[in-house]
Amino acid sequence: MDHHDEEFLRRAQAARERINEIEPKQVDAHLASGAIAIDVREPEEYQKGSLPNARNVALDSITRQIEGVVPDKDAPMVCFCNGGNRGALAAAQLVDLGYTNVQSIAGGLRACQEPDDTPER
């Protein structure tokens, strides 16, 4: 699901302009401080591996399911997908629903899994 059409990419870019993105090297610190990882990929993608303790709420159902997963609209959340597009769209949808502390991982799960030379991770 990494090959997106131009309209999808345009919407993802517009979402990125409205949300906070964190760098992959910041993810561990956010999760350690209590942020909830929300994997917005499809269940079959999630089953192949995800971040530790991530909750799977696919992008196409996030607006219907998120309140059952994270009822506290002030809870810190980090949304992500494989490459960052769906994560940004999900974060923007959550902001539209009134969630106040939502971020997306720049570059998605793949960026988190790339070797990192900085000791901050």
N, C-alpha and C. Protein backbone atom coordinates (compact mmCIF):
# COMPACT_ATOMS: atom_id res chain seq x y z
N MET A 1 0.82 -1.19 0.00
CA MET A 1 0.00 0.00 0.00
C MET A 1 0.86 1.26 0.00
N ASP A 2 2.08 1.14 -0.44
CA ASP A 2 2.99 2.28 -0.46
C ASP A 2 2.96 3.06 -1.76
N HIS A 3 2.27 2.56 -2.74
CA HIS A 3 2.20 3.25 -4.03
C HIS A 3 0.88 4.00 -4.09
N HIS A 4 0.97 5.31 -3.83
CA HIS A 4 -0.23 6.12 -3.73
C HIS A 4 -0.39 7.01 -4.95
N ASP A 5 -1.64 7.31 -5.29
CA ASP A 5 -1.88 8.20 -6.42
C ASP A 5 -1.62 9.66 -6.01
N GLU A 6 -1.58 10.54 -7.00
CA GLU A 6 -1.23 11.94 -6.75
C GLU A 6 -2.22 12.63 -5.82
N GLU A 7 -3.49 12.33 -5.92
CA GLU A 7 -4.49 12.95 -5.06
C GLU A 7 -4.26 12.55 -3.60
N PHE A 8 -3.99 11.29 -3.37
CA PHE A 8 -3.69 10.82 -2.02
C PHE A 8 -2.47 11.53 -1.46
N LEU A 9 -1.42 11.62 -2.26
CA LEU A 9 -0.19 12.29 -1.81
C LEU A 9 -0.43 13.77 -1.54
N ARG A 10 -1.29 14.41 -2.33
CA ARG A 10 -1.62 15.81 -2.11
C ARG A 10 -2.34 15.97 -0.77
N ARG A 11 -3.30 15.08 -0.51
CA ARG A 11 -4.03 15.13 0.77
C ARG A 11 -3.10 14.88 1.94
N ALA A 12 -2.16 13.95 1.79
CA ALA A 12 -1.20 13.65 2.85
C ALA A 12 -0.32 14.87 3.13
N GLN A 13 0.11 15.54 2.09
CA GLN A 13 0.93 16.74 2.28
C GLN A 13 0.14 17.84 2.97
N ALA A 14 -1.11 18.01 2.59
CA ALA A 14 -1.96 19.01 3.25
C ALA A 14 -2.15 18.66 4.73
N ALA A 15 -2.28 17.39 5.03
CA ALA A 15 -2.42 16.96 6.43
C ALA A 15 -1.14 17.27 7.20
N ARG A 16 0.01 17.01 6.58
CA ARG A 16 1.30 17.27 7.24
C ARG A 16 1.45 18.74 7.64
N GLU A 17 0.86 19.61 6.85
CA GLU A 17 0.96 21.04 7.12
C GLU A 17 0.12 21.45 8.33
N ARG A 18 -0.80 20.58 8.76
CA ARG A 18 -1.70 20.90 9.87
C ARG A 18 -1.35 20.19 11.17
N ILE A 19 -0.43 19.25 11.13
CA ILE A 19 -0.15 18.42 12.31
C ILE A 19 1.30 18.58 12.75
N ASN A 20 1.61 17.98 13.89
CA ASN A 20 2.99 17.91 14.36
C ASN A 20 3.56 16.56 13.95
N GLU A 21 4.74 16.60 13.35
CA GLU A 21 5.45 15.37 13.04
C GLU A 21 6.68 15.30 13.94
N ILE A 22 6.97 14.10 14.38
CA ILE A 22 8.19 13.89 15.16
C ILE A 22 9.16 13.08 14.32
N GLU A 23 10.43 13.26 14.59
CA GLU A 23 11.47 12.51 13.91
C GLU A 23 11.55 11.11 14.50
N PRO A 24 11.95 10.14 13.69
CA PRO A 24 12.04 8.77 14.19
C PRO A 24 12.87 8.63 15.46
N LYS A 25 13.94 9.42 15.58
CA LYS A 25 14.78 9.30 16.77
C LYS A 25 14.08 9.80 18.04
N GLN A 26 12.93 10.47 17.91
CA GLN A 26 12.18 10.96 19.05
C GLN A 26 11.10 9.97 19.52
N VAL A 27 10.83 8.96 18.73
CA VAL A 27 9.71 8.05 19.00
C VAL A 27 9.86 7.33 20.33
N ASP A 28 11.02 6.75 20.59
CA ASP A 28 11.20 6.00 21.83
C ASP A 28 10.93 6.86 23.06
N ALA A 29 11.40 8.10 23.05
CA ALA A 29 11.19 9.00 24.19
C ALA A 29 9.71 9.32 24.36
N HIS A 30 9.00 9.54 23.26
CA HIS A 30 7.56 9.83 23.35
C HIS A 30 6.81 8.63 23.91
N LEU A 31 7.14 7.44 23.43
CA LEU A 31 6.46 6.24 23.94
C LEU A 31 6.81 5.98 25.40
N ALA A 32 8.07 6.21 25.77
CA ALA A 32 8.49 6.00 27.16
C ALA A 32 7.80 6.98 28.10
N SER A 33 7.43 8.15 27.59
CA SER A 33 6.75 9.13 28.44
C SER A 33 5.24 8.95 28.45
N GLY A 34 4.76 7.87 27.82
CA GLY A 34 3.34 7.54 27.92
C GLY A 34 2.51 7.73 26.66
N ALA A 35 3.11 8.16 25.57
CA ALA A 35 2.34 8.29 24.33
C ALA A 35 1.87 6.92 23.85
N ILE A 36 0.71 6.89 23.26
CA ILE A 36 0.13 5.67 22.72
C ILE A 36 0.45 5.59 21.23
N ALA A 37 1.08 4.50 20.82
CA ALA A 37 1.40 4.30 19.41
C ALA A 37 0.17 3.76 18.70
N ILE A 38 -0.23 4.45 17.63
CA ILE A 38 -1.39 4.03 16.84
C ILE A 38 -0.90 3.68 15.44
N ASP A 39 -0.90 2.40 15.13
CA ASP A 39 -0.49 1.89 13.82
C ASP A 39 -1.71 1.92 12.92
N VAL A 40 -1.70 2.78 11.92
CA VAL A 40 -2.88 2.97 11.08
C VAL A 40 -2.83 2.13 9.80
N ARG A 41 -1.91 1.18 9.75
CA ARG A 41 -1.84 0.29 8.60
C ARG A 41 -2.96 -0.74 8.68
N GLU A 42 -3.14 -1.46 7.60
CA GLU A 42 -4.13 -2.53 7.56
C GLU A 42 -3.69 -3.67 8.48
N PRO A 43 -4.65 -4.44 9.02
CA PRO A 43 -4.30 -5.51 9.96
C PRO A 43 -3.24 -6.47 9.45
N GLU A 44 -3.28 -6.81 8.17
CA GLU A 44 -2.27 -7.75 7.66
C GLU A 44 -0.87 -7.13 7.65
N GLU A 45 -0.77 -5.82 7.50
CA GLU A 45 0.53 -5.14 7.60
C GLU A 45 0.99 -5.13 9.05
N TYR A 46 0.09 -4.80 9.96
CA TYR A 46 0.38 -4.76 11.38
C TYR A 46 0.87 -6.10 11.89
N GLN A 47 0.26 -7.18 11.43
CA GLN A 47 0.63 -8.52 11.89
C GLN A 47 2.05 -8.89 11.50
N LYS A 48 2.62 -8.23 10.51
CA LYS A 48 3.99 -8.52 10.08
C LYS A 48 5.02 -7.83 10.97
N GLY A 49 4.56 -6.97 11.87
CA GLY A 49 5.47 -6.29 12.79
C GLY A 49 5.11 -4.83 12.94
N SER A 50 5.33 -4.32 14.14
CA SER A 50 4.97 -2.95 14.44
C SER A 50 5.87 -2.44 15.56
N LEU A 51 5.57 -1.26 16.06
CA LEU A 51 6.27 -0.76 17.23
C LEU A 51 5.76 -1.50 18.47
N PRO A 52 6.57 -1.61 19.51
CA PRO A 52 6.12 -2.29 20.73
C PRO A 52 4.85 -1.66 21.30
N ASN A 53 3.91 -2.49 21.65
CA ASN A 53 2.64 -2.08 22.28
C ASN A 53 1.76 -1.18 21.41
N ALA A 54 2.04 -1.12 20.12
CA ALA A 54 1.20 -0.30 19.23
C ALA A 54 -0.19 -0.90 19.11
N ARG A 55 -1.16 -0.04 19.00
CA ARG A 55 -2.54 -0.46 18.80
C ARG A 55 -2.88 -0.25 17.33
N ASN A 56 -3.49 -1.24 16.73
CA ASN A 56 -3.81 -1.18 15.30
C ASN A 56 -5.23 -0.66 15.09
N VAL A 57 -5.30 0.52 14.49
CA VAL A 57 -6.58 1.12 14.10
C VAL A 57 -6.37 1.62 12.67
N ALA A 58 -6.82 0.85 11.69
CA ALA A 58 -6.57 1.17 10.28
C ALA A 58 -7.14 2.54 9.92
N LEU A 59 -6.46 3.22 9.03
CA LEU A 59 -6.84 4.57 8.62
C LEU A 59 -8.30 4.65 8.20
N ASP A 60 -8.77 3.68 7.43
CA ASP A 60 -10.14 3.76 6.92
C ASP A 60 -11.21 3.60 8.00
N SER A 61 -10.81 3.20 9.20
CA SER A 61 -11.79 3.05 10.29
C SER A 61 -11.45 3.90 11.51
N ILE A 62 -10.44 4.74 11.42
CA ILE A 62 -9.96 5.44 12.61
C ILE A 62 -11.01 6.37 13.21
N THR A 63 -11.77 7.05 12.39
CA THR A 63 -12.75 7.99 12.96
C THR A 63 -13.89 7.25 13.67
N ARG A 64 -14.15 6.01 13.29
CA ARG A 64 -15.21 5.22 13.93
C ARG A 64 -14.71 4.48 15.16
N GLN A 65 -13.44 4.13 15.20
CA GLN A 65 -12.95 3.24 16.24
C GLN A 65 -12.08 3.91 17.31
N ILE A 66 -11.55 5.08 17.06
CA ILE A 66 -10.54 5.62 17.96
C ILE A 66 -11.08 5.88 19.37
N GLU A 67 -12.32 6.31 19.49
CA GLU A 67 -12.84 6.61 20.83
C GLU A 67 -12.91 5.36 21.70
N GLY A 68 -13.09 4.20 21.09
CA GLY A 68 -13.07 2.96 21.85
C GLY A 68 -11.67 2.53 22.24
N VAL A 69 -10.68 2.98 21.50
CA VAL A 69 -9.29 2.62 21.77
C VAL A 69 -8.64 3.66 22.69
N VAL A 70 -8.88 4.94 22.41
CA VAL A 70 -8.32 6.04 23.20
C VAL A 70 -9.44 7.03 23.49
N PRO A 71 -10.17 6.83 24.58
CA PRO A 71 -11.29 7.73 24.87
C PRO A 71 -10.87 9.12 25.34
N ASP A 72 -9.68 9.25 25.92
CA ASP A 72 -9.19 10.53 26.43
C ASP A 72 -8.65 11.39 25.29
N LYS A 73 -9.35 12.46 24.97
CA LYS A 73 -8.96 13.30 23.83
C LYS A 73 -7.69 14.10 24.09
N ASP A 74 -7.19 14.09 25.33
CA ASP A 74 -5.94 14.77 25.63
C ASP A 74 -4.76 13.80 25.74
N ALA A 75 -5.01 12.52 25.55
CA ALA A 75 -3.95 11.52 25.65
C ALA A 75 -2.93 11.72 24.53
N PRO A 76 -1.64 11.63 24.85
CA PRO A 76 -0.63 11.75 23.80
C PRO A 76 -0.65 10.52 22.89
N MET A 77 -0.66 10.76 21.59
CA MET A 77 -0.67 9.67 20.61
C MET A 77 0.34 9.94 19.52
N VAL A 78 0.91 8.86 19.01
CA VAL A 78 1.82 8.92 17.87
C VAL A 78 1.26 7.99 16.80
N CYS A 79 0.80 8.57 15.69
CA CYS A 79 0.26 7.78 14.58
C CYS A 79 1.39 7.46 13.60
N PHE A 80 1.27 6.28 12.98
CA PHE A 80 2.27 5.93 11.97
C PHE A 80 1.74 4.87 11.02
N CYS A 81 2.40 4.80 9.87
CA CYS A 81 2.13 3.78 8.85
C CYS A 81 3.50 3.33 8.35
N ASN A 82 3.58 2.84 7.14
CA ASN A 82 4.88 2.43 6.61
C ASN A 82 5.77 3.62 6.25
N GLY A 83 5.21 4.59 5.52
CA GLY A 83 6.05 5.66 4.99
C GLY A 83 5.70 7.07 5.43
N GLY A 84 4.67 7.24 6.24
CA GLY A 84 4.34 8.55 6.78
C GLY A 84 3.11 9.21 6.22
N ASN A 85 2.60 8.75 5.10
CA ASN A 85 1.43 9.41 4.50
C ASN A 85 0.14 9.10 5.25
N ARG A 86 -0.15 7.84 5.44
CA ARG A 86 -1.38 7.47 6.17
C ARG A 86 -1.32 7.93 7.62
N GLY A 87 -0.13 7.92 8.21
CA GLY A 87 0.02 8.40 9.57
C GLY A 87 -0.34 9.87 9.69
N ALA A 88 0.09 10.67 8.71
CA ALA A 88 -0.23 12.10 8.72
C ALA A 88 -1.72 12.31 8.53
N LEU A 89 -2.33 11.57 7.62
CA LEU A 89 -3.77 11.68 7.40
C LEU A 89 -4.55 11.30 8.66
N ALA A 90 -4.12 10.24 9.33
CA ALA A 90 -4.79 9.81 10.56
C ALA A 90 -4.66 10.87 11.64
N ALA A 91 -3.48 11.42 11.80
CA ALA A 91 -3.28 12.45 12.82
C ALA A 91 -4.17 13.65 12.56
N ALA A 92 -4.29 14.06 11.31
CA ALA A 92 -5.15 15.20 10.97
C ALA A 92 -6.62 14.87 11.26
N GLN A 93 -7.05 13.65 10.98
CA GLN A 93 -8.42 13.25 11.27
C GLN A 93 -8.68 13.27 12.77
N LEU A 94 -7.70 12.84 13.56
CA LEU A 94 -7.87 12.85 15.01
C LEU A 94 -7.94 14.27 15.55
N VAL A 95 -7.13 15.16 15.01
CA VAL A 95 -7.20 16.57 15.40
C VAL A 95 -8.60 17.12 15.08
N ASP A 96 -9.12 16.77 13.91
CA ASP A 96 -10.46 17.21 13.53
C ASP A 96 -11.54 16.67 14.50
N LEU A 97 -11.27 15.52 15.10
CA LEU A 97 -12.22 14.93 16.07
C LEU A 97 -12.06 15.53 17.47
N GLY A 98 -11.09 16.41 17.64
CA GLY A 98 -10.90 17.06 18.93
C GLY A 98 -9.77 16.52 19.78
N TYR A 99 -8.99 15.58 19.26
CA TYR A 99 -7.83 15.10 20.00
C TYR A 99 -6.76 16.20 19.97
N THR A 100 -6.15 16.43 21.12
CA THR A 100 -5.30 17.61 21.27
C THR A 100 -3.81 17.33 21.29
N ASN A 101 -3.41 16.07 21.39
CA ASN A 101 -2.00 15.76 21.58
C ASN A 101 -1.58 14.63 20.64
N VAL A 102 -1.77 14.87 19.35
CA VAL A 102 -1.54 13.85 18.33
C VAL A 102 -0.35 14.25 17.46
N GLN A 103 0.49 13.29 17.19
CA GLN A 103 1.63 13.51 16.31
C GLN A 103 1.73 12.35 15.33
N SER A 104 2.52 12.56 14.31
CA SER A 104 2.78 11.52 13.32
C SER A 104 4.29 11.36 13.20
N ILE A 105 4.72 10.17 12.85
CA ILE A 105 6.15 9.92 12.68
C ILE A 105 6.56 10.28 11.25
N ALA A 106 7.46 11.22 11.12
CA ALA A 106 7.98 11.59 9.80
C ALA A 106 8.67 10.37 9.18
N GLY A 107 8.21 9.96 8.01
CA GLY A 107 8.80 8.81 7.34
C GLY A 107 8.24 7.47 7.78
N GLY A 108 7.38 7.46 8.79
CA GLY A 108 6.70 6.25 9.21
C GLY A 108 7.58 5.18 9.83
N LEU A 109 7.05 3.99 9.88
CA LEU A 109 7.73 2.85 10.50
C LEU A 109 9.06 2.54 9.83
N ARG A 110 9.09 2.65 8.52
CA ARG A 110 10.36 2.37 7.82
C ARG A 110 11.47 3.28 8.31
N ALA A 111 11.16 4.54 8.53
CA ALA A 111 12.18 5.48 9.02
C ALA A 111 12.63 5.10 10.43
N CYS A 112 11.73 4.56 11.23
CA CYS A 112 12.09 4.13 12.58
C CYS A 112 12.99 2.90 12.56
N GLN A 113 12.85 2.09 11.56
CA GLN A 113 13.60 0.84 11.49
C GLN A 113 14.94 0.99 10.78
N GLU A 114 15.18 2.14 10.16
CA GLU A 114 16.47 2.37 9.50
C GLU A 114 17.55 2.53 10.55
N PRO A 115 18.75 2.08 10.24
CA PRO A 115 19.85 2.27 11.19
C PRO A 115 20.03 3.76 11.48
N ASP A 116 20.27 4.05 12.73
CA ASP A 116 20.40 5.43 13.17
C ASP A 116 21.74 5.58 13.87
N ASP A 117 22.53 6.52 13.40
CA ASP A 117 23.86 6.72 13.97
C ASP A 117 23.85 7.58 15.23
N THR A 118 22.73 8.23 15.51
CA THR A 118 22.71 9.11 16.68
C THR A 118 22.36 8.31 17.92
N PRO A 119 22.98 8.61 19.06
CA PRO A 119 22.73 7.86 20.27
C PRO A 119 21.40 8.19 20.94
N GLU A 120 20.61 9.14 20.41
CA GLU A 120 19.38 9.57 21.04
C GLU A 120 18.27 8.53 20.96
N ARG A 121 18.36 7.58 20.07
CA ARG A 121 17.30 6.59 19.89
C ARG A 121 17.24 5.53 20.89
